[in-house]
């Protein structure tokens, strides 16, 4: 599974312009993963890997 931050790292590593940074939107998969992590952090906590 791709970690949520890896999508952002890959985006930046490809070389970006300021306009591309402003226009960047994470994938739907990343959005769902981040929402899940936030919800679980608030309720049950996260593992050290998360």
N, C-alpha and C. Protein backbone atom coordinates (compact mmCIF):
# COMPACT_ATOMS: atom_id res chain seq x y z
N UNK A 1 0.85 -1.18 0.00
CA UNK A 1 0.00 0.00 0.00
C UNK A 1 0.89 1.24 0.00
N UNK A 2 0.55 2.16 -0.84
CA UNK A 2 1.28 3.43 -0.92
C UNK A 2 0.94 4.26 0.31
N UNK A 3 1.94 4.77 0.97
CA UNK A 3 1.70 5.65 2.11
C UNK A 3 1.22 6.99 1.58
N UNK A 4 0.36 7.62 2.33
CA UNK A 4 -0.26 8.87 1.88
C UNK A 4 0.79 9.92 1.50
N UNK A 5 1.86 10.02 2.27
CA UNK A 5 2.85 11.05 2.00
C UNK A 5 3.70 10.74 0.77
N UNK A 6 3.75 9.47 0.35
CA UNK A 6 4.57 9.11 -0.81
C UNK A 6 4.04 9.75 -2.09
N UNK A 7 2.74 9.92 -2.19
CA UNK A 7 2.17 10.57 -3.37
C UNK A 7 2.69 12.01 -3.49
N UNK A 8 2.77 12.69 -2.37
CA UNK A 8 3.25 14.07 -2.36
C UNK A 8 4.75 14.11 -2.66
N UNK A 9 5.50 13.19 -2.07
CA UNK A 9 6.94 13.14 -2.32
C UNK A 9 7.21 12.87 -3.79
N UNK A 10 6.49 11.91 -4.37
CA UNK A 10 6.67 11.60 -5.79
C UNK A 10 6.36 12.81 -6.66
N UNK A 11 5.31 13.52 -6.32
CA UNK A 11 4.91 14.71 -7.06
C UNK A 11 6.03 15.76 -7.05
N UNK A 12 6.58 16.02 -5.88
CA UNK A 12 7.64 17.02 -5.75
C UNK A 12 8.92 16.54 -6.43
N UNK A 13 9.24 15.26 -6.29
CA UNK A 13 10.47 14.71 -6.86
C UNK A 13 10.48 14.75 -8.39
N UNK A 14 9.32 14.74 -9.00
CA UNK A 14 9.24 14.80 -10.46
C UNK A 14 9.63 16.17 -11.00
N UNK A 15 9.70 17.15 -10.13
CA UNK A 15 9.99 18.51 -10.54
C UNK A 15 8.68 19.23 -10.76
N UNK A 16 8.49 20.29 -10.05
CA UNK A 16 7.22 21.01 -10.13
C UNK A 16 7.45 22.51 -10.23
N UNK A 17 6.48 23.16 -10.78
CA UNK A 17 6.50 24.62 -10.83
C UNK A 17 5.61 25.12 -9.70
N UNK A 18 5.75 26.39 -9.32
CA UNK A 18 4.85 26.92 -8.29
C UNK A 18 3.37 26.73 -8.65
N UNK A 19 3.05 26.89 -9.91
CA UNK A 19 1.66 26.72 -10.34
C UNK A 19 1.17 25.29 -10.14
N UNK A 20 2.04 24.32 -10.40
CA UNK A 20 1.67 22.92 -10.20
C UNK A 20 1.46 22.62 -8.72
N UNK A 21 2.27 23.23 -7.87
CA UNK A 21 2.11 23.03 -6.43
C UNK A 21 0.76 23.58 -5.98
N UNK A 22 0.41 24.76 -6.44
CA UNK A 22 -0.87 25.37 -6.08
C UNK A 22 -2.03 24.51 -6.57
N UNK A 23 -1.90 23.94 -7.75
CA UNK A 23 -2.98 23.16 -8.36
C UNK A 23 -3.04 21.71 -7.89
N UNK A 24 -2.03 21.26 -7.14
CA UNK A 24 -1.97 19.86 -6.73
C UNK A 24 -3.18 19.47 -5.90
N UNK A 25 -3.74 18.31 -6.23
CA UNK A 25 -4.82 17.71 -5.46
C UNK A 25 -4.48 16.24 -5.29
N UNK A 26 -4.52 15.73 -4.07
CA UNK A 26 -4.21 14.32 -3.87
C UNK A 26 -5.27 13.43 -4.51
N UNK A 27 -4.89 12.20 -4.78
CA UNK A 27 -5.83 11.24 -5.37
C UNK A 27 -6.94 10.93 -4.37
N UNK A 28 -8.01 10.38 -4.88
CA UNK A 28 -9.13 9.99 -4.02
C UNK A 28 -8.68 8.94 -3.01
N UNK A 29 -7.81 8.02 -3.44
CA UNK A 29 -7.29 6.99 -2.55
C UNK A 29 -6.54 7.61 -1.38
N UNK A 30 -5.71 8.60 -1.65
CA UNK A 30 -4.96 9.27 -0.59
C UNK A 30 -5.89 10.03 0.33
N UNK A 31 -6.89 10.70 -0.21
CA UNK A 31 -7.85 11.42 0.62
C UNK A 31 -8.55 10.47 1.60
N UNK A 32 -8.99 9.33 1.09
CA UNK A 32 -9.68 8.35 1.93
C UNK A 32 -8.74 7.82 3.00
N UNK A 33 -7.51 7.53 2.63
CA UNK A 33 -6.53 7.01 3.59
C UNK A 33 -6.25 8.02 4.70
N UNK A 34 -6.07 9.27 4.35
CA UNK A 34 -5.81 10.31 5.35
C UNK A 34 -7.02 10.49 6.27
N UNK A 35 -8.21 10.49 5.70
CA UNK A 35 -9.43 10.59 6.52
C UNK A 35 -9.51 9.44 7.51
N UNK A 36 -9.19 8.22 7.04
CA UNK A 36 -9.21 7.05 7.91
C UNK A 36 -8.18 7.19 9.03
N UNK A 37 -6.98 7.63 8.70
CA UNK A 37 -5.94 7.80 9.72
C UNK A 37 -6.35 8.84 10.76
N UNK A 38 -6.94 9.93 10.32
CA UNK A 38 -7.37 10.98 11.26
C UNK A 38 -8.46 10.44 12.18
N UNK A 39 -9.44 9.74 11.61
CA UNK A 39 -10.52 9.17 12.43
C UNK A 39 -9.98 8.18 13.45
N UNK A 40 -9.10 7.28 13.00
CA UNK A 40 -8.56 6.28 13.93
C UNK A 40 -7.66 6.91 14.98
N UNK A 41 -6.92 7.94 14.62
CA UNK A 41 -6.06 8.62 15.60
C UNK A 41 -6.90 9.22 16.71
N UNK A 42 -8.06 9.73 16.35
CA UNK A 42 -8.95 10.36 17.33
C UNK A 42 -9.66 9.34 18.21
N UNK A 43 -9.88 8.13 17.70
CA UNK A 43 -10.68 7.15 18.45
C UNK A 43 -9.84 6.07 19.11
N UNK A 44 -9.03 5.37 18.35
CA UNK A 44 -8.31 4.22 18.90
C UNK A 44 -6.80 4.40 18.93
N UNK A 45 -6.32 5.41 18.25
CA UNK A 45 -4.88 5.63 18.16
C UNK A 45 -4.29 4.91 16.97
N UNK A 46 -3.07 5.25 16.63
CA UNK A 46 -2.38 4.68 15.48
C UNK A 46 -1.17 3.88 15.93
N UNK A 47 -0.78 2.94 15.10
CA UNK A 47 0.44 2.19 15.38
C UNK A 47 1.64 3.07 15.00
N UNK A 48 2.81 2.67 15.42
CA UNK A 48 4.01 3.46 15.10
C UNK A 48 4.29 3.46 13.60
N UNK A 49 3.82 2.45 12.88
CA UNK A 49 4.01 2.40 11.43
C UNK A 49 3.09 3.35 10.69
N UNK A 50 2.00 3.72 11.33
CA UNK A 50 1.04 4.59 10.67
C UNK A 50 1.37 6.03 10.92
